C-alpha atoms as a PDB file:
ATOM      1  CA  THR A   1    -106.629  30.512 141.924  1.00  0.00           C
ATOM      2  CA  LEU A   2    -109.201  27.756 141.674  1.00  0.00           C
ATOM      3  CA  ILE A   3    -112.371  28.054 143.704  1.00  0.00           C
ATOM      4  CA  LYS A   4    -115.410  25.905 144.308  1.00  0.00           C
ATOM      5  CA  GLU A   5    -117.879  25.598 141.435  1.00  0.00           C
ATOM      6  CA  LEU A   6    -120.588  28.266 141.509  1.00  0.00           C
ATOM      7  CA  HIS A   7    -124.211  27.090 141.508  1.00  0.00           C
ATOM      8  CA  LEU A   8    -126.541  30.043 141.046  1.00  0.00           C
ATOM      9  CA  LYS A   9    -130.305  29.846 141.435  1.00  0.00           C
ATOM     10  CA  MET A  10    -133.158  32.049 140.274  1.00  0.00           C
ATOM     11  CA  ASN A  11    -136.266  32.993 142.177  1.00  0.00           C
ATOM     12  CA  GLU A  12    -139.196  34.930 140.742  1.00  0.00           C
ATOM     13  CA  HIS A  13    -137.705  38.419 141.196  1.00  0.00           C
ATOM     14  CA  VAL A  14    -134.538  39.998 139.821  1.00  0.00           C
ATOM     15  CA  LEU A  15    -133.302  43.472 138.971  1.00  0.00           C
ATOM     16  CA  PHE A  16    -132.511  43.042 135.254  1.00  0.00           C
ATOM     17  CA  ASP A  17    -130.889  45.978 133.439  1.00  0.00           C
ATOM     18  CA  MET A  18    -131.087  45.635 129.659  1.00  0.00           C
ATOM     19  CA  ASN A  19    -128.168  47.746 128.423  1.00  0.00           C
ATOM     20  CA  SER A  20    -129.371  50.790 130.406  1.00  0.00           C
ATOM     21  CA  GLN A  21    -132.457  50.910 128.156  1.00  0.00           C
ATOM     22  CA  GLY A  22    -134.906  49.414 130.621  1.00  0.00           C
ATOM     23  CA  THR A  23    -135.070  47.620 133.938  1.00  0.00           C
ATOM     24  CA  LEU A  24    -137.230  44.573 134.516  1.00  0.00           C
ATOM     25  CA  THR A  25    -138.008  43.066 137.916  1.00  0.00           C
ATOM     26  CA  ARG A  26    -139.357  39.578 137.140  1.00  0.00           C
ATOM     27  CA  TRP A  27    -137.791  36.731 135.182  1.00  0.00           C
ATOM     28  CA  ASP A  28    -141.113  36.140 133.392  1.00  0.00           C
ATOM     29  CA  ASP A  29    -140.927  39.691 132.030  1.00  0.00           C
ATOM     30  CA  VAL A  30    -137.295  39.238 130.979  1.00  0.00           C
ATOM     31  CA  PHE A  31    -138.160  36.138 128.949  1.00  0.00           C
ATOM     32  CA  ARG A  32    -141.308  37.745 127.481  1.00  0.00           C
ATOM     33  CA  VAL A  33    -139.390  40.846 126.314  1.00  0.00           C
ATOM     34  CA  GLU A  34    -136.613  38.664 124.864  1.00  0.00           C
ATOM     35  CA  LYS A  35    -139.138  36.570 122.925  1.00  0.00           C
ATOM     36  CA  THR A  36    -140.979  39.653 121.646  1.00  0.00           C
ATOM     37  CA  TYR A  37    -137.987  41.535 120.274  1.00  0.00           C
ATOM     38  CA  THR A  38    -136.421  38.346 118.898  1.00  0.00           C
ATOM     39  CA  THR A  39    -139.607  37.645 116.941  1.00  0.00           C
ATOM     40  CA  CYS A  40    -139.945  41.253 115.756  1.00  0.00           C
ATOM     41  CA  LEU A  41    -136.347  41.307 114.512  1.00  0.00           C
ATOM     42  CA  GLY A  42    -136.707  38.034 112.623  1.00  0.00           C
ATOM     43  CA  ILE A  43    -134.224  36.100 114.749  1.00  0.00           C
ATOM     44  CA  SER A  44    -135.104  32.426 114.500  1.00  0.00           C
ATOM     45  CA  ARG A  45    -132.231  30.886 116.443  1.00  0.00           C
ATOM     46  CA  ARG A  46    -129.447  31.996 118.772  1.00  0.00           C
ATOM     47  CA  THR A  47    -126.260  30.165 119.656  1.00  0.00           C
ATOM     48  CA  TYR A  48    -124.055  31.386 122.496  1.00  0.00           C
ATOM     49  CA  THR A  49    -120.347  30.810 123.067  1.00  0.00           C
ATOM     50  CA  CYS A  50    -118.649  31.795 126.321  1.00  0.00           C
ATOM     51  CA  HIS A  51    -115.404  33.680 125.578  1.00  0.00           C
ATOM     52  CA  GLY A  52    -114.448  34.648 129.105  1.00  0.00           C
ATOM     53  CA  TYR A  53    -115.654  34.179 132.659  1.00  0.00           C
ATOM     54  CA  THR A  54    -114.625  35.770 135.942  1.00  0.00           C
ATOM     55  CA  HIS A  55    -115.970  35.140 139.426  1.00  0.00           C
ATOM     56  CA  GLU A  56    -115.354  37.530 142.293  1.00  0.00           C
ATOM     57  CA  PRO A  57    -116.684  35.746 145.411  1.00  0.00           C
ATOM     58  CA  LYS A  58    -116.054  38.692 147.753  1.00  0.00           C
ATOM     59  CA  LYS A  59    -118.258  40.903 145.566  1.00  0.00           C
ATOM     60  CA  GLN A  60    -120.779  38.081 144.952  1.00  0.00           C
ATOM     61  CA  LEU A  61    -120.354  38.739 141.252  1.00  0.00           C
ATOM     62  CA  ALA A  62    -119.851  36.534 138.216  1.00  0.00           C
ATOM     63  CA  TYR A  63    -119.383  38.108 134.822  1.00  0.00           C
ATOM     64  CA  PHE A  64    -118.678  36.781 131.402  1.00  0.00           C
ATOM     65  CA  ILE A  65    -118.445  37.635 127.729  1.00  0.00           C
ATOM     66  CA  LEU A  66    -120.742  35.773 125.381  1.00  0.00           C
ATOM     67  CA  GLY A  67    -120.485  35.543 121.636  1.00  0.00           C
ATOM     68  CA  GLU A  68    -123.968  35.415 120.144  1.00  0.00           C
ATOM     69  CA  HIS A  69    -124.728  34.011 116.689  1.00  0.00           C
ATOM     70  CA  ASN A  70    -128.171  34.951 115.378  1.00  0.00           C
ATOM     71  CA  GLU A  71    -129.835  33.126 112.522  1.00  0.00           C
ATOM     72  CA  ARG A  72    -132.688  34.852 110.728  1.00  0.00           C
ATOM     73  CA  SER A  73    -136.154  33.763 109.691  1.00  0.00           C
ATOM     74  CA  MET A  74    -136.176  36.189 106.720  1.00  0.00           C
ATOM     75  CA  LYS A  75    -133.820  35.274 103.905  1.00  0.00           C
ATOM     76  CA  ILE A  76    -133.275  38.925 102.935  1.00  0.00           C
ATOM     77  CA  LEU A  77    -131.588  39.590 106.294  1.00  0.00           C
ATOM     78  CA  PRO A  78    -128.200  37.993 106.978  1.00  0.00           C
ATOM     79  CA  ALA A  79    -127.266  36.018 110.069  1.00  0.00           C
ATOM     80  CA  PHE A  80    -125.028  38.013 112.384  1.00  0.00           C
ATOM     81  CA  ASP A  81    -122.686  37.744 115.354  1.00  0.00           C
ATOM     82  CA  PHE A  82    -121.921  40.094 118.210  1.00  0.00           C
ATOM     83  CA  HIS A  83    -120.673  40.066 121.817  1.00  0.00           C
ATOM     84  CA  VAL A  84    -122.457  40.658 125.111  1.00  0.00           C
ATOM     85  CA  MET A  85    -121.074  41.255 128.606  1.00  0.00           C
ATOM     86  CA  ILE A  86    -123.248  39.914 131.407  1.00  0.00           C
ATOM     87  CA  PHE A  87    -122.759  40.767 135.083  1.00  0.00           C
ATOM     88  CA  CYS A  88    -124.613  38.518 137.565  1.00  0.00           C
ATOM     89  CA  TYR A  89    -124.855  39.564 141.195  1.00  0.00           C
ATOM     90  CA  TYR A  90    -126.070  37.070 143.772  1.00  0.00           C
ATOM     91  CA  ASP A  91    -126.821  36.865 147.478  1.00  0.00           C
ATOM     92  CA  SER A  92    -125.304  34.653 150.176  1.00  0.00           C
ATOM     93  CA  ASN A  93    -127.710  31.825 149.196  1.00  0.00           C
ATOM     94  CA  GLY A  94    -126.527  31.855 145.572  1.00  0.00           C
ATOM     95  CA  ILE A  95    -129.756  33.434 144.295  1.00  0.00           C
ATOM     96  CA  VAL A  96    -129.283  35.854 141.403  1.00  0.00           C
ATOM     97  CA  THR A  97    -130.459  39.291 142.561  1.00  0.00           C
ATOM     98  CA  LYS A  98    -129.278  41.533 139.736  1.00  0.00           C
ATOM     99  CA  VAL A  99    -128.235  41.072 136.113  1.00  0.00           C
ATOM    100  CA  ASP A 100    -126.639  43.815 134.051  1.00  0.00           C
ATOM    101  CA  VAL A 101    -126.422  43.126 130.303  1.00  0.00           C
ATOM    102  CA  GLN A 102    -124.141  45.372 128.235  1.00  0.00           C
ATOM    103  CA  TYR A 103    -123.646  45.360 124.469  1.00  0.00           C
ATOM    104  CA  ASP A 104    -123.008  47.685 121.535  1.00  0.00           C
ATOM    105  CA  GLN A 105    -126.596  48.681 120.840  1.00  0.00           C
ATOM    106  CA  MET A 106    -125.907  50.536 117.577  1.00  0.00           C
ATOM    107  CA  GLY A 107    -123.861  47.590 116.258  1.00  0.00           C
ATOM    108  CA  PHE A 108    -126.649  45.192 117.250  1.00  0.00           C
ATOM    109  CA  TYR A 109    -129.311  47.119 115.350  1.00  0.00           C
ATOM    110  CA  MET A 110    -127.089  47.683 112.319  1.00  0.00           C
ATOM    111  CA  ASN A 111    -126.627  43.898 112.204  1.00  0.00           C
ATOM    112  CA  CYS A 112    -130.358  43.309 112.694  1.00  0.00           C
ATOM    113  CA  PHE A 113    -131.193  45.429 109.664  1.00  0.00           C
ATOM    114  CA  GLY A 114    -128.395  44.009 107.539  1.00  0.00           C
ATOM    115  CA  LEU A 115    -126.508  47.330 107.427  1.00  0.00           C
ATOM    116  CA  ALA A 116    -123.325  46.088 109.112  1.00  0.00           C
ATOM    117  CA  ALA A 117    -122.705  43.629 106.266  1.00  0.00           C
ATOM    118  CA  MET A 118    -122.718  46.402 103.654  1.00  0.00           C
END
């Protein structure tokens, strides 16, 4: 079934669950945390590819699977790829109210430290 294109908007506040490891309530904090851990882990560039997308209008939910390619700033650590599932909930005005990000945390950190390539 085809439906009308979804145009989501962001306001200042959101309930952002980072893989059940922490909940943030402001987009500024989400972007600050992302920048901090990306820098600490030596990730210099990220490229995302959407592998699947589903929209459930009755639940006001859009979710998708992203492939993430991470290039590194330190030559001793290899670039790595992994997948993320993102669930976006929105209100009747199309404003994102909640985001739930899920990924294999152990796999992510093994890749970050170059252990998955061994």
